[in-house]
PDB file of N, CA and C in Angstrom:
ATOM      1  N   MET A   1     -25.924 -22.068 -57.207  1.00  0.00           N
ATOM      2  CA  MET A   1     -24.360 -22.070 -58.031  1.00  0.00           C
ATOM      3  C   MET A   1     -24.279 -21.816 -59.290  1.00  0.00           C
ATOM      4  N   LYS A   2     -22.476 -21.160 -59.337  1.00  0.00           N
ATOM      5  CA  LYS A   2     -22.385 -20.808 -60.491  1.00  0.00           C
ATOM      6  C   LYS A   2     -21.582 -22.274 -61.077  1.00  0.00           C
ATOM      7  N   PRO A   3     -21.865 -22.076 -62.491  1.00  0.00           N
ATOM      8  CA  PRO A   3     -20.969 -23.295 -63.146  1.00  0.00           C
ATOM      9  C   PRO A   3     -19.724 -23.595 -63.085  1.00  0.00           C
ATOM     10  N   LEU A   4     -19.504 -24.699 -62.905  1.00  0.00           N
ATOM     11  CA  LEU A   4     -17.707 -25.066 -62.068  1.00  0.00           C
ATOM     12  C   LEU A   4     -16.686 -25.149 -63.626  1.00  0.00           C
ATOM     13  N   ASP A   5     -16.055 -24.472 -63.834  1.00  0.00           N
ATOM     14  CA  ASP A   5     -14.731 -24.523 -65.134  1.00  0.00           C
ATOM     15  C   ASP A   5     -13.763 -24.765 -64.272  1.00  0.00           C
ATOM     16  N   LEU A   6     -13.422 -26.788 -64.400  1.00  0.00           N
ATOM     17  CA  LEU A   6     -12.412 -27.092 -63.668  1.00  0.00           C
ATOM     18  C   LEU A   6     -11.041 -26.880 -64.631  1.00  0.00           C
ATOM     19  N   THR A   7     -11.143 -26.340 -65.694  1.00  0.00           N
ATOM     20  CA  THR A   7      -9.273 -26.156 -66.454  1.00  0.00           C
ATOM     21  C   THR A   7      -9.204 -24.525 -65.008  1.00  0.00           C
ATOM     22  N   LYS A   8      -9.635 -24.441 -64.377  1.00  0.00           N
ATOM     23  CA  LYS A   8      -9.335 -23.318 -63.604  1.00  0.00           C
ATOM     24  C   LYS A   8      -9.193 -23.455 -62.367  1.00  0.00           C
ATOM     25  N   PRO A   9      -8.053 -22.459 -61.033  1.00  0.00           N
ATOM     26  CA  PRO A   9      -8.330 -22.739 -59.573  1.00  0.00           C
ATOM     27  C   PRO A   9      -9.115 -23.611 -59.389  1.00  0.00           C
ATOM     28  N   LEU A  10      -9.492 -24.126 -58.545  1.00  0.00           N
ATOM     29  CA  LEU A  10     -10.541 -24.345 -57.640  1.00  0.00           C
ATOM     30  C   LEU A  10     -10.071 -24.689 -56.260  1.00  0.00           C
ATOM     31  N   GLN A  11     -11.040 -24.280 -55.381  1.00  0.00           N
ATOM     32  CA  GLN A  11     -11.372 -24.125 -53.569  1.00  0.00           C
ATOM     33  C   GLN A  11     -12.595 -24.445 -52.998  1.00  0.00           C
ATOM     34  N   THR A  12     -11.980 -24.702 -52.093  1.00  0.00           N
ATOM     35  CA  THR A  12     -13.955 -25.099 -51.098  1.00  0.00           C
ATOM     36  C   THR A  12     -15.060 -23.827 -50.809  1.00  0.00           C
ATOM     37  N   ARG A  13     -15.651 -24.223 -50.424  1.00  0.00           N
ATOM     38  CA  ARG A  13     -16.777 -22.642 -50.380  1.00  0.00           C
ATOM     39  C   ARG A  13     -15.767 -22.187 -49.116  1.00  0.00           C
ATOM     40  N   ASP A  14     -15.046 -22.736 -48.052  1.00  0.00           N
ATOM     41  CA  ASP A  14     -14.877 -22.174 -46.646  1.00  0.00           C
ATOM     42  C   ASP A  14     -13.400 -22.703 -47.396  1.00  0.00           C
ATOM     43  N   GLY A  15     -12.570 -22.030 -48.445  1.00  0.00           N
ATOM     44  CA  GLY A  15     -11.468 -21.639 -48.334  1.00  0.00           C
ATOM     45  C   GLY A  15     -10.142 -22.773 -49.110  1.00  0.00           C
ATOM     46  N   ARG A  16     -10.259 -24.358 -48.228  1.00  0.00           N
ATOM     47  CA  ARG A  16      -9.285 -25.542 -48.663  1.00  0.00           C
ATOM     48  C   ARG A  16      -9.124 -24.925 -50.017  1.00  0.00           C
ATOM     49  N   PRO A  17      -7.659 -24.836 -50.713  1.00  0.00           N
ATOM     50  CA  PRO A  17      -7.485 -25.405 -51.863  1.00  0.00           C
ATOM     51  C   PRO A  17      -7.793 -27.066 -52.314  1.00  0.00           C
ATOM     52  N   ALA A  18      -8.125 -26.824 -53.693  1.00  0.00           N
ATOM     53  CA  ALA A  18      -8.446 -28.325 -54.351  1.00  0.00           C
ATOM     54  C   ALA A  18      -7.861 -28.398 -55.761  1.00  0.00           C
ATOM     55  N   LYS A  19      -7.321 -29.784 -55.395  1.00  0.00           N
ATOM     56  CA  LYS A  19      -6.971 -30.180 -57.039  1.00  0.00           C
ATOM     57  C   LYS A  19      -7.949 -30.768 -58.024  1.00  0.00           C
ATOM     58  N   PHE A  20      -7.860 -30.915 -59.121  1.00  0.00           N
ATOM     59  CA  PHE A  20      -8.394 -31.696 -59.958  1.00  0.00           C
ATOM     60  C   PHE A  20      -7.859 -32.955 -60.379  1.00  0.00           C
ATOM     61  N   LEU A  21      -8.447 -33.628 -59.879  1.00  0.00           N
ATOM     62  CA  LEU A  21      -7.973 -35.021 -60.298  1.00  0.00           C
ATOM     63  C   LEU A  21      -7.758 -35.586 -61.636  1.00  0.00           C
ATOM     64  N   HIS A  22      -9.929 -35.550 -61.970  1.00  0.00           N
ATOM     65  CA  HIS A  22     -10.084 -36.616 -62.892  1.00  0.00           C
ATOM     66  C   HIS A  22     -11.519 -36.308 -62.984  1.00  0.00           C
ATOM     67  N   LYS A  23     -12.007 -36.694 -64.059  1.00  0.00           N
ATOM     68  CA  LYS A  23     -13.474 -36.659 -64.309  1.00  0.00           C
ATOM     69  C   LYS A  23     -13.509 -38.077 -64.505  1.00  0.00           C
ATOM     70  N   LEU A  24     -14.454 -39.063 -63.911  1.00  0.00           N
ATOM     71  CA  LEU A  24     -15.140 -40.100 -64.583  1.00  0.00           C
ATOM     72  C   LEU A  24     -15.850 -40.417 -65.490  1.00  0.00           C
ATOM     73  N   GLN A  25     -15.921 -40.924 -66.593  1.00  0.00           N
ATOM     74  CA  GLN A  25     -16.459 -41.485 -67.447  1.00  0.00           C
ATOM     75  C   GLN A  25     -17.480 -42.331 -67.301  1.00  0.00           C
ATOM     76  N   CYS A  26     -17.485 -43.064 -66.098  1.00  0.00           N
ATOM     77  CA  CYS A  26     -19.183 -43.809 -66.134  1.00  0.00           C
ATOM     78  C   CYS A  26     -20.005 -42.683 -65.814  1.00  0.00           C
ATOM     79  N   VAL A  27     -21.131 -42.930 -65.660  1.00  0.00           N
ATOM     80  CA  VAL A  27     -22.387 -42.249 -65.237  1.00  0.00           C
ATOM     81  C   VAL A  27     -22.723 -42.500 -63.730  1.00  0.00           C
ATOM     82  N   CYS A  28     -22.208 -41.817 -62.869  1.00  0.00           N
ATOM     83  CA  CYS A  28     -22.329 -41.819 -61.554  1.00  0.00           C
ATOM     84  C   CYS A  28     -22.933 -40.458 -60.885  1.00  0.00           C
ATOM     85  N   ARG A  29     -23.441 -40.607 -59.888  1.00  0.00           N
ATOM     86  CA  ARG A  29     -23.662 -39.232 -59.386  1.00  0.00           C
ATOM     87  C   ARG A  29     -22.848 -38.505 -58.526  1.00  0.00           C
ATOM     88  N   TYR A  30     -21.252 -38.529 -58.703  1.00  0.00           N
ATOM     89  CA  TYR A  30     -20.408 -37.851 -58.297  1.00  0.00           C
ATOM     90  C   TYR A  30     -19.182 -38.279 -59.134  1.00  0.00           C
ATOM     91  N   PRO A  31     -18.778 -37.649 -59.890  1.00  0.00           N
ATOM     92  CA  PRO A  31     -18.016 -38.629 -60.997  1.00  0.00           C
ATOM     93  C   PRO A  31     -16.721 -37.148 -60.722  1.00  0.00           C
ATOM     94  N   ILE A  32     -17.066 -36.222 -60.624  1.00  0.00           N
ATOM     95  CA  ILE A  32     -15.580 -35.067 -59.927  1.00  0.00           C
ATOM     96  C   ILE A  32     -14.433 -35.406 -58.836  1.00  0.00           C
ATOM     97  N   VAL A  33     -13.348 -35.799 -58.934  1.00  0.00           N
ATOM     98  CA  VAL A  33     -12.534 -36.653 -58.004  1.00  0.00           C
ATOM     99  C   VAL A  33     -11.380 -35.404 -57.567  1.00  0.00           C
ATOM    100  N   CYS A  34     -11.559 -35.091 -56.720  1.00  0.00           N
ATOM    101  CA  CYS A  34     -10.479 -33.630 -56.353  1.00  0.00           C
ATOM    102  C   CYS A  34      -9.784 -34.063 -54.935  1.00  0.00           C
ATOM    103  N   VAL A  35      -8.420 -33.446 -54.635  1.00  0.00           N
ATOM    104  CA  VAL A  35      -7.881 -33.380 -53.547  1.00  0.00           C
ATOM    105  C   VAL A  35      -7.802 -32.004 -52.942  1.00  0.00           C
ATOM    106  N   VAL A  36      -8.324 -32.181 -51.779  1.00  0.00           N
ATOM    107  CA  VAL A  36      -8.684 -31.435 -50.354  1.00  0.00           C
ATOM    108  C   VAL A  36      -8.486 -31.054 -49.332  1.00  0.00           C
ATOM    109  N   GLY A  37      -7.006 -30.049 -49.528  1.00  0.00           N
ATOM    110  CA  GLY A  37      -6.827 -29.446 -48.151  1.00  0.00           C
ATOM    111  C   GLY A  37      -5.038 -29.428 -48.758  1.00  0.00           C
ATOM    112  N   SER A  38      -4.286 -29.238 -47.496  1.00  0.00           N
ATOM    113  CA  SER A  38      -3.003 -28.998 -47.436  1.00  0.00           C
ATOM    114  C   SER A  38      -2.063 -29.940 -47.372  1.00  0.00           C
ATOM    115  N   ALA A  39      -1.236 -29.750 -47.222  1.00  0.00           N
ATOM    116  CA  ALA A  39       0.259 -30.412 -47.421  1.00  0.00           C
ATOM    117  C   ALA A  39      -0.026 -31.313 -46.206  1.00  0.00           C
ATOM    118  N   ASN A  40       0.170 -30.698 -45.270  1.00  0.00           N
ATOM    119  CA  ASN A  40      -0.566 -31.605 -43.610  1.00  0.00           C
ATOM    120  C   ASN A  40      -1.810 -32.142 -43.760  1.00  0.00           C
ATOM    121  N   GLU A  41      -2.544 -31.648 -44.245  1.00  0.00           N
ATOM    122  CA  GLU A  41      -4.257 -33.369 -44.506  1.00  0.00           C
ATOM    123  C   GLU A  41      -4.513 -32.778 -45.999  1.00  0.00           C
ATOM    124  N   GLU A  42      -4.513 -33.671 -46.417  1.00  0.00           N
ATOM    125  CA  GLU A  42      -5.398 -34.232 -47.772  1.00  0.00           C
ATOM    126  C   GLU A  42      -5.944 -35.355 -47.813  1.00  0.00           C
ATOM    127  N   HIS A  43      -7.167 -35.096 -48.392  1.00  0.00           N
ATOM    128  CA  HIS A  43      -8.829 -35.598 -48.522  1.00  0.00           C
ATOM    129  C   HIS A  43      -8.941 -36.212 -49.945  1.00  0.00           C
ATOM    130  N   VAL A  44      -9.175 -36.974 -50.846  1.00  0.00           N
ATOM    131  CA  VAL A  44      -9.151 -37.276 -51.988  1.00  0.00           C
ATOM    132  C   VAL A  44     -11.190 -37.083 -51.484  1.00  0.00           C
ATOM    133  N   ILE A  45     -11.547 -36.215 -52.106  1.00  0.00           N
ATOM    134  CA  ILE A  45     -12.866 -36.147 -52.550  1.00  0.00           C
ATOM    135  C   ILE A  45     -14.145 -36.189 -53.744  1.00  0.00           C
ATOM    136  N   HIS A  46     -15.488 -37.137 -53.666  1.00  0.00           N
ATOM    137  CA  HIS A  46     -16.358 -37.162 -55.033  1.00  0.00           C
ATOM    138  C   HIS A  46     -17.009 -36.151 -55.167  1.00  0.00           C
ATOM    139  N   TYR A  47     -16.939 -35.185 -55.861  1.00  0.00           N
ATOM    140  CA  TYR A  47     -17.856 -34.470 -56.022  1.00  0.00           C
ATOM    141  C   TYR A  47     -19.333 -34.598 -57.563  1.00  0.00           C
ATOM    142  N   ASN A  48     -20.469 -33.941 -57.061  1.00  0.00           N
ATOM    143  CA  ASN A  48     -21.333 -34.442 -58.272  1.00  0.00           C
ATOM    144  C   ASN A  48     -20.329 -33.217 -59.791  1.00  0.00           C
ATOM    145  N   SER A  49     -21.616 -33.029 -60.576  1.00  0.00           N
ATOM    146  CA  SER A  49     -21.146 -32.620 -61.744  1.00  0.00           C
ATOM    147  C   SER A  49     -20.744 -31.008 -61.879  1.00  0.00           C
ATOM    148  N   SER A  50     -21.690 -30.318 -61.351  1.00  0.00           N
ATOM    149  CA  SER A  50     -21.621 -28.868 -60.514  1.00  0.00           C
ATOM    150  C   SER A  50     -20.781 -28.888 -59.010  1.00  0.00           C
ATOM    151  N   GLY A  51     -20.307 -29.717 -58.938  1.00  0.00           N
ATOM    152  CA  GLY A  51     -19.316 -29.522 -57.613  1.00  0.00           C
ATOM    153  C   GLY A  51     -19.736 -29.506 -56.460  1.00  0.00           C
ATOM    154  N   SER A  52     -21.039 -30.597 -55.956  1.00  0.00           N
ATOM    155  CA  SER A  52     -21.143 -29.742 -55.020  1.00  0.00           C
ATOM    156  C   SER A  52     -20.824 -31.580 -53.735  1.00  0.00           C
ATOM    157  N   ALA A  53     -20.585 -31.670 -52.985  1.00  0.00           N
ATOM    158  CA  ALA A  53     -20.177 -32.764 -52.201  1.00  0.00           C
ATOM    159  C   ALA A  53     -21.811 -33.683 -51.592  1.00  0.00           C
ATOM    160  N   GLN A  54     -22.740 -32.584 -51.678  1.00  0.00           N
ATOM    161  CA  GLN A  54     -23.537 -33.457 -51.267  1.00  0.00           C
ATOM    162  C   GLN A  54     -24.878 -33.200 -52.404  1.00  0.00           C
ATOM    163  N   ASP A  55     -25.889 -33.843 -52.541  1.00  0.00           N
ATOM    164  CA  ASP A  55     -26.589 -33.658 -53.449  1.00  0.00           C
ATOM    165  C   ASP A  55     -27.913 -32.443 -52.549  1.00  0.00           C
ATOM    166  N   HIS A  56     -28.232 -31.705 -53.119  1.00  0.00           N
ATOM    167  CA  HIS A  56     -29.457 -31.031 -52.759  1.00  0.00           C
ATOM    168  C   HIS A  56     -29.048 -30.165 -51.299  1.00  0.00           C
ATOM    169  N   CYS A  57     -28.062 -30.022 -51.023  1.00  0.00           N
ATOM    170  CA  CYS A  57     -27.405 -28.791 -49.711  1.00  0.00           C
ATOM    171  C   CYS A  57     -26.193 -28.108 -50.283  1.00  0.00           C
ATOM    172  N   GLU A  58     -26.158 -26.978 -49.671  1.00  0.00           N
ATOM    173  CA  GLU A  58     -24.873 -26.245 -50.155  1.00  0.00           C
ATOM    174  C   GLU A  58     -24.391 -26.912 -48.984  1.00  0.00           C
ATOM    175  N   THR A  59     -22.132 -26.861 -49.331  1.00  0.00           N
ATOM    176  CA  THR A  59     -21.849 -27.326 -48.003  1.00  0.00           C
ATOM    177  C   THR A  59     -20.513 -26.804 -47.826  1.00  0.00           C
ATOM    178  N   SER A  60     -19.769 -26.487 -46.578  1.00  0.00           N
ATOM    179  CA  SER A  60     -18.519 -25.789 -47.412  1.00  0.00           C
ATOM    180  C   SER A  60     -17.685 -26.794 -47.320  1.00  0.00           C
ATOM    181  N   ALA A  61     -17.737 -27.546 -48.115  1.00  0.00           N
ATOM    182  CA  ALA A  61     -16.731 -28.726 -48.583  1.00  0.00           C
ATOM    183  C   ALA A  61     -17.433 -28.984 -50.538  1.00  0.00           C
ATOM    184  N   ASP A  62     -18.234 -27.354 -50.852  1.00  0.00           N
ATOM    185  CA  ASP A  62     -18.364 -27.367 -52.167  1.00  0.00           C
ATOM    186  C   ASP A  62     -17.554 -27.100 -52.586  1.00  0.00           C
ATOM    187  N   LEU A  63     -17.017 -27.376 -54.108  1.00  0.00           N
ATOM    188  CA  LEU A  63     -16.147 -26.522 -54.630  1.00  0.00           C
ATOM    189  C   LEU A  63     -16.611 -24.919 -55.841  1.00  0.00           C
ATOM    190  N   ILE A  64     -15.757 -24.679 -55.497  1.00  0.00           N
ATOM    191  CA  ILE A  64     -15.825 -23.186 -56.511  1.00  0.00           C
ATOM    192  C   ILE A  64     -14.390 -23.092 -57.122  1.00  0.00           C
ATOM    193  N   ASN A  65     -14.701 -22.294 -57.773  1.00  0.00           N
ATOM    194  CA  ASN A  65     -13.277 -21.298 -58.725  1.00  0.00           C
ATOM    195  C   ASN A  65     -13.072 -20.741 -58.025  1.00  0.00           C
ATOM    196  N   VAL A  66     -11.730 -20.569 -57.629  1.00  0.00           N
ATOM    197  CA  VAL A  66     -10.562 -19.591 -56.818  1.00  0.00           C
ATOM    198  C   VAL A  66     -10.978 -17.805 -57.429  1.00  0.00           C
ATOM    199  N   PRO A  67     -11.697 -17.379 -56.571  1.00  0.00           N
ATOM    200  CA  PRO A  67     -12.416 -15.785 -56.885  1.00  0.00           C
ATOM    201  C   PRO A  67     -11.031 -14.979 -57.544  1.00  0.00           C
ATOM    202  N   VAL A  68     -11.114 -14.419 -58.682  1.00  0.00           N
ATOM    203  CA  VAL A  68      -9.996 -13.066 -59.193  1.00  0.00           C
ATOM    204  C   VAL A  68      -9.760 -12.164 -58.699  1.00  0.00           C
ATOM    205  N   LYS A  69      -8.932 -11.922 -58.196  1.00  0.00           N
ATOM    206  CA  LYS A  69      -8.666 -10.658 -57.039  1.00  0.00           C
ATOM    207  C   LYS A  69      -7.833  -9.678 -58.463  1.00  0.00           C
ATOM    208  N   HIS A  70      -8.054  -8.433 -57.748  1.00  0.00           N
ATOM    209  CA  HIS A  70      -8.017  -7.166 -58.751  1.00  0.00           C
ATOM    210  C   HIS A  70      -7.373  -6.364 -57.883  1.00  0.00           C
ATOM    211  N   VAL A  71      -6.181  -5.598 -58.509  1.00  0.00           N
ATOM    212  CA  VAL A  71      -6.235  -4.859 -58.000  1.00  0.00           C
ATOM    213  C   VAL A  71      -6.424  -3.049 -58.472  1.00  0.00           C
ATOM    214  N   ARG A  72      -6.773  -1.945 -58.873  1.00  0.00           N
ATOM    215  CA  ARG A  72      -6.541  -1.132 -58.927  1.00  0.00           C
ATOM    216  C   ARG A  72      -6.616   0.180 -58.398  1.00  0.00           C
ATOM    217  N   GLU A  73      -5.564   0.815 -58.971  1.00  0.00           N
ATOM    218  CA  GLU A  73      -5.137   2.438 -58.654  1.00  0.00           C
ATOM    219  C   GLU A  73      -5.681   3.624 -59.185  1.00  0.00           C
ATOM    220  N   TYR A  74      -5.968   4.338 -58.293  1.00  0.00           N
ATOM    221  CA  TYR A  74      -6.819   5.531 -58.943  1.00  0.00           C
ATOM    222  C   TYR A  74      -6.465   6.990 -58.429  1.00  0.00           C
ATOM    223  N   TRP A  75      -6.349   8.068 -59.114  1.00  0.00           N
ATOM    224  CA  TRP A  75      -6.715   9.229 -57.689  1.00  0.00           C
ATOM    225  C   TRP A  75      -7.716   9.707 -58.179  1.00  0.00           C
ATOM    226  N   VAL A  76      -7.879  10.331 -56.951  1.00  0.00           N
ATOM    227  CA  VAL A  76      -8.760  10.888 -56.412  1.00  0.00           C
ATOM    228  C   VAL A  76      -8.894  12.748 -56.305  1.00  0.00           C
ATOM    229  N   ASN A  77      -9.367  13.679 -56.592  1.00  0.00           N
ATOM    230  CA  ASN A  77      -9.579  14.670 -56.026  1.00  0.00           C
ATOM    231  C   ASN A  77     -10.121  15.285 -55.661  1.00  0.00           C
ATOM    232  N   LEU A  78     -10.527  15.668 -54.260  1.00  0.00           N
ATOM    233  CA  LEU A  78     -11.082  15.582 -53.051  1.00  0.00           C
ATOM    234  C   LEU A  78     -11.595  17.413 -53.452  1.00  0.00           C
ATOM    235  N   TYR A  79     -12.369  18.220 -52.947  1.00  0.00           N
ATOM    236  CA  TYR A  79     -12.766  19.176 -53.049  1.00  0.00           C
ATOM    237  C   TYR A  79     -13.126  19.687 -51.697  1.00  0.00           C
ATOM    238  N   ASP A  80     -13.427  21.233 -51.600  1.00  0.00           N
ATOM    239  CA  ASP A  80     -14.312  21.846 -51.071  1.00  0.00           C
ATOM    240  C   ASP A  80     -15.230  21.940 -49.883  1.00  0.00           C
ATOM    241  N   ASN A  81     -16.326  21.782 -51.146  1.00  0.00           N
ATOM    242  CA  ASN A  81     -17.588  21.236 -50.953  1.00  0.00           C
ATOM    243  C   ASN A  81     -18.088  19.962 -50.269  1.00  0.00           C
ATOM    244  N   GLU A  82     -17.214  18.785 -50.244  1.00  0.00           N
ATOM    245  CA  GLU A  82     -16.725  17.434 -49.431  1.00  0.00           C
ATOM    246  C   GLU A  82     -17.393  16.791 -50.972  1.00  0.00           C
ATOM    247  N   THR A  83     -17.305  17.191 -51.759  1.00  0.00           N
ATOM    248  CA  THR A  83     -17.442  16.300 -53.216  1.00  0.00           C
ATOM    249  C   THR A  83     -16.090  15.957 -53.784  1.00  0.00           C
ATOM    250  N   ALA A  84     -16.126  15.037 -54.111  1.00  0.00           N
ATOM    251  CA  ALA A  84     -14.597  14.023 -55.394  1.00  0.00           C
ATOM    252  C   ALA A  84     -14.731  13.454 -56.481  1.00  0.00           C
ATOM    253  N   ASP A  85     -13.925  13.929 -57.091  1.00  0.00           N
ATOM    254  CA  ASP A  85     -13.773  13.259 -58.689  1.00  0.00           C
ATOM    255  C   ASP A  85     -12.874  12.180 -58.458  1.00  0.00           C
ATOM    256  N   ILE A  86     -12.714  10.972 -59.239  1.00  0.00           N
ATOM    257  CA  ILE A  86     -11.669   9.791 -59.268  1.00  0.00           C
ATOM    258  C   ILE A  86     -11.533   9.629 -60.784  1.00  0.00           C
ATOM    259  N   TYR A  87     -10.297   9.368 -60.978  1.00  0.00           N
ATOM    260  CA  TYR A  87      -9.282   9.329 -62.441  1.00  0.00           C
ATOM    261  C   TYR A  87      -7.806   7.911 -61.825  1.00  0.00           C
ATOM    262  N   ASN A  88      -8.236   7.817 -63.719  1.00  0.00           N
ATOM    263  CA  ASN A  88      -7.291   6.658 -64.137  1.00  0.00           C
ATOM    264  C   ASN A  88      -5.273   6.967 -63.375  1.00  0.00           C
ATOM    265  N   GLY A  89      -5.279   8.135 -63.570  1.00  0.00           N
ATOM    266  CA  GLY A  89      -4.045   8.629 -63.521  1.00  0.00           C
ATOM    267  C   GLY A  89      -3.623  10.025 -63.202  1.00  0.00           C
ATOM    268  N   ARG A  90      -2.672  10.064 -62.106  1.00  0.00           N
ATOM    269  CA  ARG A  90      -2.223  11.380 -61.310  1.00  0.00           C
ATOM    270  C   ARG A  90      -2.454  12.973 -62.450  1.00  0.00           C
ATOM    271  N   GLN A  91      -1.926  12.318 -63.475  1.00  0.00           N
ATOM    272  CA  GLN A  91      -2.080  13.477 -64.877  1.00  0.00           C
ATOM    273  C   GLN A  91      -3.602  14.016 -64.977  1.00  0.00           C
ATOM    274  N   GLY A  92      -4.297  12.984 -65.142  1.00  0.00           N
ATOM    275  CA  GLY A  92      -6.012  12.927 -65.386  1.00  0.00           C
ATOM    276  C   GLY A  92      -6.341  14.122 -64.358  1.00  0.00           C
ATOM    277  N   ALA A  93      -6.028  13.488 -63.170  1.00  0.00           N
ATOM    278  CA  ALA A  93      -6.264  14.557 -61.559  1.00  0.00           C
ATOM    279  C   ALA A  93      -6.399  15.855 -61.974  1.00  0.00           C
ATOM    280  N   ASP A  94      -4.953  15.697 -62.298  1.00  0.00           N
ATOM    281  CA  ASP A  94      -4.044  17.271 -62.189  1.00  0.00           C
ATOM    282  C   ASP A  94      -5.042  18.202 -63.128  1.00  0.00           C
ATOM    283  N   ASN A  95      -5.448  17.484 -64.186  1.00  0.00           N
ATOM    284  CA  ASN A  95      -5.520  18.578 -65.117  1.00  0.00           C
ATOM    285  C   ASN A  95      -7.060  19.113 -65.123  1.00  0.00           C
ATOM    286  N   SER A  96      -8.080  18.022 -64.312  1.00  0.00           N
ATOM    287  CA  SER A  96      -9.245  18.605 -64.401  1.00  0.00           C
ATOM    288  C   SER A  96      -9.153  18.668 -62.797  1.00  0.00           C
ATOM    289  N   ARG A  97      -9.752  19.881 -63.090  1.00  0.00           N
ATOM    290  CA  ARG A  97     -10.547  20.956 -62.669  1.00  0.00           C
ATOM    291  C   ARG A  97     -12.191  21.419 -62.010  1.00  0.00           C
ATOM    292  N   PRO A  98     -13.126  21.104 -62.308  1.00  0.00           N
ATOM    293  CA  PRO A  98     -14.164  21.770 -62.209  1.00  0.00           C
ATOM    294  C   PRO A  98     -14.654  23.320 -61.789  1.00  0.00           C
ATOM    295  N   CYS A  99     -14.523  24.080 -62.534  1.00  0.00           N
ATOM    296  CA  CYS A  99     -14.300  25.378 -61.681  1.00  0.00           C
ATOM    297  C   CYS A  99     -15.346  25.866 -60.534  1.00  0.00           C
ATOM    298  N   LYS A 100     -14.912  27.046 -60.036  1.00  0.00           N
ATOM    299  CA  LYS A 100     -15.364  27.602 -58.415  1.00  0.00           C
ATOM    300  C   LYS A 100     -14.875  26.716 -57.176  1.00  0.00           C
ATOM    301  N   LEU A 101     -14.697  25.282 -57.807  1.00  0.00           N
ATOM    302  CA  LEU A 101     -14.452  24.337 -56.062  1.00  0.00           C
ATOM    303  C   LEU A 101     -13.100  24.683 -56.189  1.00  0.00           C
ATOM    304  N   LYS A 102     -12.422  24.743 -54.587  1.00  0.00           N
ATOM    305  CA  LYS A 102     -11.335  24.510 -54.240  1.00  0.00           C
ATOM    306  C   LYS A 102     -10.950  23.116 -54.041  1.00  0.00           C
ATOM    307  N   ARG A 103      -9.661  22.812 -54.675  1.00  0.00           N
ATOM    308  CA  ARG A 103      -9.164  21.432 -54.788  1.00  0.00           C
ATOM    309  C   ARG A 103      -8.556  21.091 -53.371  1.00  0.00           C
ATOM    310  N   LEU A 104      -8.730  20.294 -52.012  1.00  0.00           N
ATOM    311  CA  LEU A 104      -8.315  20.385 -51.098  1.00  0.00           C
ATOM    312  C   LEU A 104      -7.188  19.746 -50.842  1.00  0.00           C
ATOM    313  N   ALA A 105      -7.310  18.404 -52.041  1.00  0.00           N
ATOM    314  CA  ALA A 105      -5.848  17.256 -52.315  1.00  0.00           C
ATOM    315  C   ALA A 105      -6.340  16.466 -53.050  1.00  0.00           C
ATOM    316  N   CYS A 106      -5.202  15.485 -53.727  1.00  0.00           N
ATOM    317  CA  CYS A 106      -5.289  14.486 -54.597  1.00  0.00           C
ATOM    318  C   CYS A 106      -4.627  13.468 -53.978  1.00  0.00           C
ATOM    319  N   LYS A 107      -5.044  12.483 -53.473  1.00  0.00           N
ATOM    320  CA  LYS A 107      -5.093  11.390 -53.158  1.00  0.00           C
ATOM    321  C   LYS A 107      -4.887  10.278 -54.094  1.00  0.00           C
ATOM    322  N   LYS A 108      -3.386   9.406 -54.149  1.00  0.00           N
ATOM    323  CA  LYS A 108      -3.532   7.961 -54.433  1.00  0.00           C
ATOM    324  C   LYS A 108      -4.564   7.345 -53.641  1.00  0.00           C
ATOM    325  N   ILE A 109      -5.311   6.118 -54.301  1.00  0.00           N
ATOM    326  CA  ILE A 109      -6.156   5.412 -53.631  1.00  0.00           C
ATOM    327  C   ILE A 109      -5.660   3.507 -54.316  1.00  0.00           C
ATOM    328  N   THR A 110      -5.566   2.859 -53.915  1.00  0.00           N
ATOM    329  CA  THR A 110      -5.561   1.374 -54.354  1.00  0.00           C
ATOM    330  C   THR A 110      -6.463   0.581 -54.141  1.00  0.00           C
ATOM    331  N   ILE A 111      -7.441  -0.313 -54.418  1.00  0.00           N
ATOM    332  CA  ILE A 111      -8.815  -1.059 -54.268  1.00  0.00           C
ATOM    333  C   ILE A 111      -8.362  -2.424 -54.569  1.00  0.00           C
ATOM    334  N   GLU A 112      -8.521  -3.280 -54.175  1.00  0.00           N
ATOM    335  CA  GLU A 112      -8.968  -4.835 -54.119  1.00  0.00           C
ATOM    336  C   GLU A 112      -9.822  -5.134 -54.055  1.00  0.00           C
ATOM    337  N   PHE A 113      -9.936  -5.589 -54.788  1.00  0.00           N
ATOM    338  CA  PHE A 113     -11.853  -6.799 -55.127  1.00  0.00           C
ATOM    339  C   PHE A 113     -11.358  -8.070 -56.074  1.00  0.00           C
ATOM    340  N   VAL A 114     -12.739  -9.124 -55.531  1.00  0.00           N
ATOM    341  CA  VAL A 114     -12.758  -9.971 -56.809  1.00  0.00           C
ATOM    342  C   VAL A 114     -14.279  -9.449 -57.166  1.00  0.00           C
ATOM    343  N   ASP A 115     -13.767 -10.464 -58.471  1.00  0.00           N
ATOM    344  CA  ASP A 115     -15.350 -10.761 -59.255  1.00  0.00           C
ATOM    345  C   ASP A 115     -16.683 -10.496 -58.613  1.00  0.00           C
ATOM    346  N   ASN A 116     -17.772 -10.129 -59.134  1.00  0.00           N
ATOM    347  CA  ASN A 116     -18.613  -9.839 -58.259  1.00  0.00           C
ATOM    348  C   ASN A 116     -19.453  -9.767 -57.023  1.00  0.00           C
ATOM    349  N   GLU A 117     -17.796  -9.016 -56.345  1.00  0.00           N
ATOM    350  CA  GLU A 117     -18.032  -8.418 -54.647  1.00  0.00           C
ATOM    351  C   GLU A 117     -18.707  -6.921 -54.878  1.00  0.00           C
ATOM    352  N   GLY A 118     -19.706  -7.239 -53.553  1.00  0.00           N
ATOM    353  CA  GLY A 118     -20.229  -6.094 -53.457  1.00  0.00           C
ATOM    354  C   GLY A 118     -21.851  -6.630 -54.696  1.00  0.00           C
ATOM    355  N   LEU A 119     -22.057  -7.349 -55.363  1.00  0.00           N
ATOM    356  CA  LEU A 119     -23.078  -7.361 -55.737  1.00  0.00           C
ATOM    357  C   LEU A 119     -24.218  -8.135 -55.994  1.00  0.00           C
ATOM    358  N   GLU A 120     -23.915  -9.442 -55.365  1.00  0.00           N
ATOM    359  CA  GLU A 120     -24.626 -10.129 -54.145  1.00  0.00           C
ATOM    360  C   GLU A 120     -25.917  -9.411 -53.954  1.00  0.00           C
TER     361      GLU A 120
END
């Protein structure tokens, strides 16, 4: 389990929003107190210091930091030999053409991703 950062937005593993309320100063098994759920149904749940709702097993109620979503736009040159080049801007795509290849199209693409997506 990744280290939990209580200063950043939280959710449960199954996607329910979680609001950090307090970390108890006493020595206890579940010192982190959060409100989990939506306006229709909220529950106060205690977690251990790593954000687990239960010791020794992973559950859908465990806390995780909300994944950071990124959106990137690129320009892609598509060539007649079924290859492609990707650029940060249209000008770069227009100015860079490999010799002897015919550019068939130049397409703008938008990619949305979260940190570590596809790396696990």
